[in-house]
Amino acid sequence: VARTLGTLLGSFLLIRFSPRIFFFWGMVLAIGALVFIL
């Protein structure tokens, strides 16, 4: 569900904004979330 919402939002925002920015901040978020899951 989260990935679906993320791709839906990304399909619109990636037309205007840098894919590199999405990539970077997405990985920062993923690393932080994984640490707290553990």
PDB file of all heavy atoms in Angstrom:
ATOM      1  N   VAL A   1       0.844  -1.197   0.000  1.00  0.00           N
ATOM      2  CA  VAL A   1       0.000   0.000   0.000  1.00  0.00           C
ATOM      3  C   VAL A   1       0.879   1.246   0.000  1.00  0.00           C
ATOM      4  O   VAL A   1       0.677   2.188  -0.786  1.00  0.00           O
ATOM      5  CB  VAL A   1      -0.944   0.024   1.227  1.00  0.00           C
ATOM      6  CG1 VAL A   1      -1.550   1.407   1.397  1.00  0.00           C
ATOM      7  CG2 VAL A   1      -2.047  -0.994   1.078  1.00  0.00           C
ATOM      8  N   ALA A   2       1.859   1.244   0.892  1.00  0.00           N
ATOM      9  CA  ALA A   2       2.768   2.395   0.983  1.00  0.00           C
ATOM     10  C   ALA A   2       3.544   2.561  -0.315  1.00  0.00           C
ATOM     11  O   ALA A   2       3.744   3.684  -0.802  1.00  0.00           O
ATOM     12  CB  ALA A   2       3.728   2.210   2.156  1.00  0.00           C
ATOM     13  N   ARG A   3       4.000   1.455  -0.889  1.00  0.00           N
ATOM     14  CA  ARG A   3       4.753   1.530  -2.137  1.00  0.00           C
ATOM     15  C   ARG A   3       3.851   1.998  -3.274  1.00  0.00           C
ATOM     16  O   ARG A   3       4.279   2.747  -4.165  1.00  0.00           O
ATOM     17  CB  ARG A   3       5.357   0.167  -2.468  1.00  0.00           C
ATOM     18  CG  ARG A   3       6.596   0.273  -3.347  1.00  0.00           C
ATOM     19  CD  ARG A   3       7.243  -1.073  -3.563  1.00  0.00           C
ATOM     20  NE  ARG A   3       6.468  -1.906  -4.478  1.00  0.00           N
ATOM     21  CZ  ARG A   3       6.877  -3.098  -4.923  1.00  0.00           C
ATOM     22  NH1 ARG A   3       8.017  -3.594  -4.500  1.00  0.00           N
ATOM     23  NH2 ARG A   3       6.127  -3.791  -5.747  1.00  0.00           N
ATOM     24  N   THR A   4       2.591   1.559  -3.251  1.00  0.00           N
ATOM     25  CA  THR A   4       1.631   1.988  -4.262  1.00  0.00           C
ATOM     26  C   THR A   4       1.405   3.487  -4.197  1.00  0.00           C
ATOM     27  O   THR A   4       1.431   4.189  -5.219  1.00  0.00           O
ATOM     28  CB  THR A   4       0.290   1.251  -4.081  1.00  0.00           C
ATOM     29  OG1 THR A   4       0.506  -0.151  -4.192  1.00  0.00           O
ATOM     30  CG2 THR A   4      -0.717   1.689  -5.128  1.00  0.00           C
ATOM     31  N   LEU A   5       1.172   4.000  -3.000  1.00  0.00           N
ATOM     32  CA  LEU A   5       0.979   5.444  -2.827  1.00  0.00           C
ATOM     33  C   LEU A   5       2.231   6.214  -3.230  1.00  0.00           C
ATOM     34  O   LEU A   5       2.149   7.293  -3.834  1.00  0.00           O
ATOM     35  CB  LEU A   5       0.611   5.761  -1.373  1.00  0.00           C
ATOM     36  CG  LEU A   5      -0.743   5.227  -0.894  1.00  0.00           C
ATOM     37  CD1 LEU A   5      -0.931   5.507   0.595  1.00  0.00           C
ATOM     38  CD2 LEU A   5      -1.880   5.852  -1.702  1.00  0.00           C
ATOM     39  N   GLY A   6       3.387   5.646  -2.904  1.00  0.00           N
ATOM     40  CA  GLY A   6       4.638   6.302  -3.258  1.00  0.00           C
ATOM     41  C   GLY A   6       4.846   6.383  -4.758  1.00  0.00           C
ATOM     42  O   GLY A   6       5.286   7.411  -5.280  1.00  0.00           O
ATOM     43  N   THR A   7       4.519   5.298  -5.480  1.00  0.00           N
ATOM     44  CA  THR A   7       4.676   5.324  -6.933  1.00  0.00           C
ATOM     45  C   THR A   7       3.642   6.234  -7.584  1.00  0.00           C
ATOM     46  O   THR A   7       3.941   6.905  -8.582  1.00  0.00           O
ATOM     47  CB  THR A   7       4.550   3.912  -7.523  1.00  0.00           C
ATOM     48  OG1 THR A   7       3.340   3.294  -7.062  1.00  0.00           O
ATOM     49  CG2 THR A   7       5.722   3.051  -7.124  1.00  0.00           C
ATOM     50  N   LEU A   8       2.423   6.274  -7.037  1.00  0.00           N
ATOM     51  CA  LEU A   8       1.399   7.169  -7.577  1.00  0.00           C
ATOM     52  C   LEU A   8       1.834   8.619  -7.426  1.00  0.00           C
ATOM     53  O   LEU A   8       1.751   9.411  -8.375  1.00  0.00           O
ATOM     54  CB  LEU A   8       0.066   6.939  -6.857  1.00  0.00           C
ATOM     55  CG  LEU A   8      -1.099   7.828  -7.319  1.00  0.00           C
ATOM     56  CD1 LEU A   8      -1.384   7.614  -8.795  1.00  0.00           C
ATOM     57  CD2 LEU A   8      -2.335   7.558  -6.478  1.00  0.00           C
ATOM     58  N   LEU A   9       2.312   8.972  -6.242  1.00  0.00           N
ATOM     59  CA  LEU A   9       2.798  10.333  -6.015  1.00  0.00           C
ATOM     60  C   LEU A   9       4.010  10.630  -6.896  1.00  0.00           C
ATOM     61  O   LEU A   9       4.120  11.704  -7.499  1.00  0.00           O
ATOM     62  CB  LEU A   9       3.161  10.517  -4.538  1.00  0.00           C
ATOM     63  CG  LEU A   9       3.647  11.909  -4.111  1.00  0.00           C
ATOM     64  CD1 LEU A   9       2.560  12.946  -4.335  1.00  0.00           C
ATOM     65  CD2 LEU A   9       4.066  11.886  -2.648  1.00  0.00           C
ATOM     66  N   GLY A  10       4.911   9.645  -6.988  1.00  0.00           N
ATOM     67  CA  GLY A  10       6.111   9.842  -7.784  1.00  0.00           C
ATOM     68  C   GLY A  10       5.836  10.022  -9.260  1.00  0.00           C
ATOM     69  O   GLY A  10       6.535  10.770  -9.945  1.00  0.00           O
ATOM     70  N   SER A  11       4.791   9.356  -9.793  1.00  0.00           N
ATOM     71  CA  SER A  11       4.474   9.477 -11.215  1.00  0.00           C
ATOM     72  C   SER A  11       4.119  10.905 -11.596  1.00  0.00           C
ATOM     73  O   SER A  11       4.287  11.308 -12.754  1.00  0.00           O
ATOM     74  CB  SER A  11       3.325   8.535 -11.585  1.00  0.00           C
ATOM     75  OG  SER A  11       2.117   8.914 -10.952  1.00  0.00           O
ATOM     76  N   PHE A  12       3.646  11.680 -10.633  1.00  0.00           N
ATOM     77  CA  PHE A  12       3.343  13.091 -10.879  1.00  0.00           C
ATOM     78  C   PHE A  12       4.536  13.997 -10.555  1.00  0.00           C
ATOM     79  O   PHE A  12       4.906  14.867 -11.333  1.00  0.00           O
ATOM     80  CB  PHE A  12       2.127  13.522 -10.058  1.00  0.00           C
ATOM     81  CG  PHE A  12       0.851  12.847 -10.465  1.00  0.00           C
ATOM     82  CD1 PHE A  12       0.291  11.845  -9.689  1.00  0.00           C
ATOM     83  CD2 PHE A  12       0.200  13.205 -11.638  1.00  0.00           C
ATOM     84  CE1 PHE A  12      -0.877  11.213 -10.069  1.00  0.00           C
ATOM     85  CE2 PHE A  12      -0.976  12.584 -12.026  1.00  0.00           C
ATOM     86  CZ  PHE A  12      -1.517  11.583 -11.247  1.00  0.00           C
ATOM     87  N   LEU A  13       5.140  13.774  -9.402  1.00  0.00           N
ATOM     88  CA  LEU A  13       6.200  14.668  -8.958  1.00  0.00           C
ATOM     89  C   LEU A  13       7.484  14.528  -9.753  1.00  0.00           C
ATOM     90  O   LEU A  13       8.242  15.491  -9.904  1.00  0.00           O
ATOM     91  CB  LEU A  13       6.488  14.433  -7.466  1.00  0.00           C
ATOM     92  CG  LEU A  13       5.347  14.763  -6.498  1.00  0.00           C
ATOM     93  CD1 LEU A  13       5.795  14.544  -5.054  1.00  0.00           C
ATOM     94  CD2 LEU A  13       4.881  16.205  -6.691  1.00  0.00           C
ATOM     95  N   LEU A  14       7.751  13.316 -10.276  1.00  0.00           N
ATOM     96  CA  LEU A  14       8.983  13.117 -11.032  1.00  0.00           C
ATOM     97  C   LEU A  14       8.981  13.834 -12.374  1.00  0.00           C
ATOM     98  O   LEU A  14      10.020  13.951 -13.023  1.00  0.00           O
ATOM     99  CB  LEU A  14       9.239  11.617 -11.238  1.00  0.00           C
ATOM    100  CG  LEU A  14       9.775  10.879 -10.008  1.00  0.00           C
ATOM    101  CD1 LEU A  14       9.713   9.376 -10.216  1.00  0.00           C
ATOM    102  CD2 LEU A  14      11.198  11.322  -9.698  1.00  0.00           C
ATOM    103  N   ILE A  15       7.819  14.327 -12.788  1.00  0.00           N
ATOM    104  CA  ILE A  15       7.756  15.143 -13.997  1.00  0.00           C
ATOM    105  C   ILE A  15       8.417  16.498 -13.751  1.00  0.00           C
ATOM    106  O   ILE A  15       9.048  17.071 -14.641  1.00  0.00           O
ATOM    107  CB  ILE A  15       6.288  15.350 -14.449  1.00  0.00           C
ATOM    108  CG1 ILE A  15       5.650  13.999 -14.809  1.00  0.00           C
ATOM    109  CG2 ILE A  15       6.211  16.303 -15.640  1.00  0.00           C
ATOM    110  CD1 ILE A  15       4.181  14.094 -15.155  1.00  0.00           C
ATOM    111  N   ARG A  16       8.347  16.983 -12.511  1.00  0.00           N
ATOM    112  CA  ARG A  16       8.840  18.326 -12.195  1.00  0.00           C
ATOM    113  C   ARG A  16      10.135  18.342 -11.400  1.00  0.00           C
ATOM    114  O   ARG A  16      10.919  19.274 -11.506  1.00  0.00           O
ATOM    115  CB  ARG A  16       7.773  19.095 -11.405  1.00  0.00           C
ATOM    116  CG  ARG A  16       6.508  19.365 -12.191  1.00  0.00           C
ATOM    117  CD  ARG A  16       5.632  20.368 -11.470  1.00  0.00           C
ATOM    118  NE  ARG A  16       4.479  20.762 -12.267  1.00  0.00           N
ATOM    119  CZ  ARG A  16       3.665  21.767 -11.949  1.00  0.00           C
ATOM    120  NH1 ARG A  16       3.884  22.450 -10.844  1.00  0.00           N
ATOM    121  NH2 ARG A  16       2.642  22.060 -12.729  1.00  0.00           N
ATOM    122  N   PHE A  17      10.342  17.327 -10.583  1.00  0.00           N
ATOM    123  CA  PHE A  17      11.478  17.365  -9.654  1.00  0.00           C
ATOM    124  C   PHE A  17      12.537  16.332 -10.005  1.00  0.00           C
ATOM    125  O   PHE A  17      12.263  15.346 -10.684  1.00  0.00           O
ATOM    126  CB  PHE A  17      10.992  17.171  -8.217  1.00  0.00           C
ATOM    127  CG  PHE A  17      10.033  18.226  -7.751  1.00  0.00           C
ATOM    128  CD1 PHE A  17       8.669  17.958  -7.698  1.00  0.00           C
ATOM    129  CD2 PHE A  17      10.478  19.484  -7.390  1.00  0.00           C
ATOM    130  CE1 PHE A  17       7.773  18.926  -7.281  1.00  0.00           C
ATOM    131  CE2 PHE A  17       9.594  20.459  -6.970  1.00  0.00           C
ATOM    132  CZ  PHE A  17       8.237  20.185  -6.909  1.00  0.00           C
ATOM    133  N   SER A  18      13.732  16.527  -9.528  1.00  0.00           N
ATOM    134  CA  SER A  18      14.875  15.685  -9.833  1.00  0.00           C
ATOM    135  C   SER A  18      14.712  14.280  -9.256  1.00  0.00           C
ATOM    136  O   SER A  18      14.488  14.117  -8.055  1.00  0.00           O
ATOM    137  CB  SER A  18      16.154  16.317  -9.271  1.00  0.00           C
ATOM    138  OG  SER A  18      17.224  15.405  -9.307  1.00  0.00           O
ATOM    139  N   PRO A  19      14.845  13.240 -10.104  1.00  0.00           N
ATOM    140  CA  PRO A  19      14.807  11.864  -9.598  1.00  0.00           C
ATOM    141  C   PRO A  19      15.898  11.610  -8.559  1.00  0.00           C
ATOM    142  O   PRO A  19      15.713  10.806  -7.637  1.00  0.00           O
ATOM    143  CB  PRO A  19      15.038  11.020 -10.852  1.00  0.00           C
ATOM    144  CG  PRO A  19      14.579  11.882 -11.978  1.00  0.00           C
ATOM    145  CD  PRO A  19      14.936  13.283 -11.568  1.00  0.00           C
ATOM    146  N   ARG A  20      17.025  12.281  -8.716  1.00  0.00           N
ATOM    147  CA  ARG A  20      18.137  12.094  -7.791  1.00  0.00           C
ATOM    148  C   ARG A  20      17.747  12.484  -6.362  1.00  0.00           C
ATOM    149  O   ARG A  20      18.155  11.818  -5.392  1.00  0.00           O
ATOM    150  CB  ARG A  20      19.324  12.943  -8.261  1.00  0.00           C
ATOM    151  CG  ARG A  20      20.607  12.717  -7.486  1.00  0.00           C
ATOM    152  CD  ARG A  20      21.662  13.684  -7.970  1.00  0.00           C
ATOM    153  NE  ARG A  20      22.947  13.437  -7.345  1.00  0.00           N
ATOM    154  CZ  ARG A  20      23.988  14.239  -7.459  1.00  0.00           C
ATOM    155  NH1 ARG A  20      23.895  15.343  -8.179  1.00  0.00           N
ATOM    156  NH2 ARG A  20      25.132  13.950  -6.871  1.00  0.00           N
ATOM    157  N   ILE A  21      16.970  13.544  -6.216  1.00  0.00           N
ATOM    158  CA  ILE A  21      16.528  13.986  -4.889  1.00  0.00           C
ATOM    159  C   ILE A  21      15.617  12.945  -4.256  1.00  0.00           C
ATOM    160  O   ILE A  21      15.734  12.618  -3.069  1.00  0.00           O
ATOM    161  CB  ILE A  21      15.806  15.345  -4.985  1.00  0.00           C
ATOM    162  CG1 ILE A  21      16.766  16.417  -5.515  1.00  0.00           C
ATOM    163  CG2 ILE A  21      15.234  15.750  -3.626  1.00  0.00           C
ATOM    164  CD1 ILE A  21      17.978  16.651  -4.647  1.00  0.00           C
ATOM    165  N   PHE A  22      14.674  12.405  -5.063  1.00  0.00           N
ATOM    166  CA  PHE A  22      13.800  11.344  -4.564  1.00  0.00           C
ATOM    167  C   PHE A  22      14.614  10.156  -4.072  1.00  0.00           C
ATOM    168  O   PHE A  22      14.345   9.583  -3.012  1.00  0.00           O
ATOM    169  CB  PHE A  22      12.860  10.878  -5.682  1.00  0.00           C
ATOM    170  CG  PHE A  22      11.582  11.646  -5.769  1.00  0.00           C
ATOM    171  CD1 PHE A  22      11.557  12.950  -6.243  1.00  0.00           C
ATOM    172  CD2 PHE A  22      10.387  11.065  -5.383  1.00  0.00           C
ATOM    173  CE1 PHE A  22      10.373  13.663  -6.337  1.00  0.00           C
ATOM    174  CE2 PHE A  22       9.194  11.763  -5.467  1.00  0.00           C
ATOM    175  CZ  PHE A  22       9.198  13.065  -5.945  1.00  0.00           C
ATOM    176  N   PHE A  23      15.591   9.791  -4.857  1.00  0.00           N
ATOM    177  CA  PHE A  23      16.444   8.653  -4.554  1.00  0.00           C
ATOM    178  C   PHE A  23      17.173   8.857  -3.221  1.00  0.00           C
ATOM    179  O   PHE A  23      17.125   8.006  -2.324  1.00  0.00           O
ATOM    180  CB  PHE A  23      17.451   8.494  -5.698  1.00  0.00           C
ATOM    181  CG  PHE A  23      18.168   7.171  -5.741  1.00  0.00           C
ATOM    182  CD1 PHE A  23      19.026   6.883  -6.787  1.00  0.00           C
ATOM    183  CD2 PHE A  23      17.985   6.197  -4.762  1.00  0.00           C
ATOM    184  CE1 PHE A  23      19.702   5.675  -6.854  1.00  0.00           C
ATOM    185  CE2 PHE A  23      18.649   4.986  -4.817  1.00  0.00           C
ATOM    186  CZ  PHE A  23      19.515   4.732  -5.866  1.00  0.00           C
ATOM    187  N   PHE A  24      17.829   9.989  -3.077  1.00  0.00           N
ATOM    188  CA  PHE A  24      18.632  10.261  -1.886  1.00  0.00           C
ATOM    189  C   PHE A  24      17.801  10.259  -0.612  1.00  0.00           C
ATOM    190  O   PHE A  24      18.085   9.529   0.345  1.00  0.00           O
ATOM    191  CB  PHE A  24      19.362  11.600  -2.031  1.00  0.00           C
ATOM    192  CG  PHE A  24      20.051  12.047  -0.770  1.00  0.00           C
ATOM    193  CD1 PHE A  24      21.246  11.465  -0.370  1.00  0.00           C
ATOM    194  CD2 PHE A  24      19.488  13.029   0.039  1.00  0.00           C
ATOM    195  CE1 PHE A  24      21.882  11.859   0.802  1.00  0.00           C
ATOM    196  CE2 PHE A  24      20.112  13.433   1.208  1.00  0.00           C
ATOM    197  CZ  PHE A  24      21.308  12.846   1.593  1.00  0.00           C
ATOM    198  N   TRP A  25      16.755  11.069  -0.589  1.00  0.00           N
ATOM    199  CA  TRP A  25      15.958  11.190   0.641  1.00  0.00           C
ATOM    200  C   TRP A  25      15.176   9.911   0.933  1.00  0.00           C
ATOM    201  O   TRP A  25      14.913   9.592   2.098  1.00  0.00           O
ATOM    202  CB  TRP A  25      15.038  12.387   0.566  1.00  0.00           C
ATOM    203  CG  TRP A  25      15.797  13.669   0.697  1.00  0.00           C
ATOM    204  CD1 TRP A  25      16.021  14.607  -0.261  1.00  0.00           C
ATOM    205  CD2 TRP A  25      16.463  14.137   1.887  1.00  0.00           C
ATOM    206  NE1 TRP A  25      16.786  15.636   0.241  1.00  0.00           N
ATOM    207  CE2 TRP A  25      17.070  15.372   1.559  1.00  0.00           C
ATOM    208  CE3 TRP A  25      16.613  13.631   3.177  1.00  0.00           C
ATOM    209  CZ2 TRP A  25      17.810  16.107   2.481  1.00  0.00           C
ATOM    210  CZ3 TRP A  25      17.348  14.357   4.100  1.00  0.00           C
ATOM    211  CH2 TRP A  25      17.930  15.583   3.747  1.00  0.00           C
ATOM    212  N   GLY A  26      14.828   9.180  -0.106  1.00  0.00           N
ATOM    213  CA  GLY A  26      14.161   7.892   0.114  1.00  0.00           C
ATOM    214  C   GLY A  26      15.056   6.918   0.858  1.00  0.00           C
ATOM    215  O   GLY A  26      14.611   6.217   1.773  1.00  0.00           O
ATOM    216  N   MET A  27      16.340   6.898   0.505  1.00  0.00           N
ATOM    217  CA  MET A  27      17.250   5.975   1.168  1.00  0.00           C
ATOM    218  C   MET A  27      17.580   6.414   2.595  1.00  0.00           C
ATOM    219  O   MET A  27      17.768   5.588   3.481  1.00  0.00           O
ATOM    220  CB  MET A  27      18.528   5.804   0.349  1.00  0.00           C
ATOM    221  CG  MET A  27      18.307   5.171  -1.027  1.00  0.00           C
ATOM    222  SD  MET A  27      17.031   3.886  -1.069  1.00  0.00           S
ATOM    223  CE  MET A  27      17.639   2.753   0.169  1.00  0.00           C
ATOM    224  N   VAL A  28      17.644   7.698   2.829  1.00  0.00           N
ATOM    225  CA  VAL A  28      17.827   8.201   4.200  1.00  0.00           C
ATOM    226  C   VAL A  28      16.669   7.732   5.076  1.00  0.00           C
ATOM    227  O   VAL A  28      16.864   7.248   6.199  1.00  0.00           O
ATOM    228  CB  VAL A  28      17.930   9.741   4.218  1.00  0.00           C
ATOM    229  CG1 VAL A  28      17.892  10.270   5.650  1.00  0.00           C
ATOM    230  CG2 VAL A  28      19.220  10.198   3.526  1.00  0.00           C
ATOM    231  N   LEU A  29      15.449   7.851   4.539  1.00  0.00           N
ATOM    232  CA  LEU A  29      14.250   7.427   5.266  1.00  0.00           C
ATOM    233  C   LEU A  29      14.259   5.915   5.498  1.00  0.00           C
ATOM    234  O   LEU A  29      13.934   5.439   6.596  1.00  0.00           O
ATOM    235  CB  LEU A  29      13.002   7.827   4.475  1.00  0.00           C
ATOM    236  CG  LEU A  29      11.638   7.465   5.074  1.00  0.00           C
ATOM    237  CD1 LEU A  29      11.452   8.156   6.425  1.00  0.00           C
ATOM    238  CD2 LEU A  29      10.522   7.864   4.113  1.00  0.00           C
ATOM    239  N   ALA A  30      14.646   5.138   4.481  1.00  0.00           N
ATOM    240  CA  ALA A  30      14.643   3.682   4.592  1.00  0.00           C
ATOM    241  C   ALA A  30      15.635   3.191   5.649  1.00  0.00           C
ATOM    242  O   ALA A  30      15.325   2.291   6.440  1.00  0.00           O
ATOM    243  CB  ALA A  30      14.966   3.053   3.236  1.00  0.00           C
ATOM    244  N   ILE A  31      16.815   3.763   5.675  1.00  0.00           N
ATOM    245  CA  ILE A  31      17.837   3.349   6.649  1.00  0.00           C
ATOM    246  C   ILE A  31      17.368   3.640   8.068  1.00  0.00           C
ATOM    247  O   ILE A  31      17.482   2.796   8.969  1.00  0.00           O
ATOM    248  CB  ILE A  31      19.176   4.058   6.360  1.00  0.00           C
ATOM    249  CG1 ILE A  31      19.789   3.513   5.057  1.00  0.00           C
ATOM    250  CG2 ILE A  31      20.161   3.848   7.520  1.00  0.00           C
ATOM    251  CD1 ILE A  31      20.997   4.280   4.571  1.00  0.00           C
ATOM    252  N   GLY A  32      16.799   4.823   8.277  1.00  0.00           N
ATOM    253  CA  GLY A  32      16.298   5.177   9.608  1.00  0.00           C
ATOM    254  C   GLY A  32      15.184   4.258  10.063  1.00  0.00           C
ATOM    255  O   GLY A  32      15.164   3.802  11.216  1.00  0.00           O
ATOM    256  N   ALA A  33      14.255   3.927   9.138  1.00  0.00           N
ATOM    257  CA  ALA A  33      13.124   3.061   9.488  1.00  0.00           C
ATOM    258  C   ALA A  33      13.592   1.649   9.817  1.00  0.00           C
ATOM    259  O   ALA A  33      13.086   1.015  10.751  1.00  0.00           O
ATOM    260  CB  ALA A  33      12.114   3.041   8.343  1.00  0.00           C
ATOM    261  N   LEU A  34      14.566   1.138   9.062  1.00  0.00           N
ATOM    262  CA  LEU A  34      15.064  -0.211   9.310  1.00  0.00           C
ATOM    263  C   LEU A  34      15.708  -0.316  10.694  1.00  0.00           C
ATOM    264  O   LEU A  34      15.503  -1.304  11.416  1.00  0.00           O
ATOM    265  CB  LEU A  34      16.074  -0.619   8.240  1.00  0.00           C
ATOM    266  CG  LEU A  34      16.715  -1.997   8.404  1.00  0.00           C
ATOM    267  CD1 LEU A  34      15.647  -3.097   8.344  1.00  0.00           C
ATOM    268  CD2 LEU A  34      17.785  -2.242   7.346  1.00  0.00           C
ATOM    269  N   VAL A  35      16.470   0.684  11.070  1.00  0.00           N
ATOM    270  CA  VAL A  35      17.119   0.678  12.391  1.00  0.00           C
ATOM    271  C   VAL A  35      16.073   0.577  13.494  1.00  0.00           C
ATOM    272  O   VAL A  35      16.203  -0.232  14.430  1.00  0.00           O
ATOM    273  CB  VAL A  35      17.966   1.947  12.589  1.00  0.00           C
ATOM    274  CG1 VAL A  35      18.425   2.071  14.046  1.00  0.00           C
ATOM    275  CG2 VAL A  35      19.180   1.927  11.659  1.00  0.00           C
ATOM    276  N   PHE A  36      14.997   1.334  13.375  1.00  0.00           N
ATOM    277  CA  PHE A  36      13.964   1.318  14.417  1.00  0.00           C
ATOM    278  C   PHE A  36      13.147   0.027  14.400  1.00  0.00           C
ATOM    279  O   PHE A  36      12.662  -0.415  15.448  1.00  0.00           O
ATOM    280  CB  PHE A  36      13.061   2.542  14.281  1.00  0.00           C
ATOM    281  CG  PHE A  36      13.675   3.812  14.799  1.00  0.00           C
ATOM    282  CD1 PHE A  36      14.127   4.779  13.928  1.00  0.00           C
ATOM    283  CD2 PHE A  36      13.832   4.011  16.158  1.00  0.00           C
ATOM    284  CE1 PHE A  36      14.712   5.952  14.401  1.00  0.00           C
ATOM    285  CE2 PHE A  36      14.418   5.181  16.661  1.00  0.00           C
ATOM    286  CZ  PHE A  36      14.862   6.150  15.773  1.00  0.00           C
ATOM    287  N   ILE A  37      12.982  -0.593  13.217  1.00  0.00           N
ATOM    288  CA  ILE A  37      12.304  -1.900  13.157  1.00  0.00           C
ATOM    289  C   ILE A  37      13.074  -2.939  13.955  1.00  0.00           C
ATOM    290  O   ILE A  37      12.502  -3.726  14.720  1.00  0.00           O
ATOM    291  CB  ILE A  37      12.139  -2.364  11.692  1.00  0.00           C
ATOM    292  CG1 ILE A  37      11.031  -1.570  11.011  1.00  0.00           C
ATOM    293  CG2 ILE A  37      11.827  -3.863  11.624  1.00  0.00           C
ATOM    294  CD1 ILE A  37      10.885  -1.885   9.525  1.00  0.00           C
ATOM    295  N   LEU A  38      14.391  -2.945  13.791  1.00  0.00           N
ATOM    296  CA  LEU A  38      15.230  -3.917  14.481  1.00  0.00           C
ATOM    297  C   LEU A  38      15.208  -3.734  15.996  1.00  0.00           C
ATOM    298  O   LEU A  38      15.478  -4.672  16.748  1.00  0.00           O
ATOM    299  CB  LEU A  38      16.669  -3.822  13.970  1.00  0.00           C
ATOM    300  CG  LEU A  38      16.870  -4.157  12.489  1.00  0.00           C
ATOM    301  CD1 LEU A  38      18.325  -3.938  12.078  1.00  0.00           C
ATOM    302  CD2 LEU A  38      16.457  -5.603  12.192  1.00  0.00           C
TER     303      LEU A  38
END
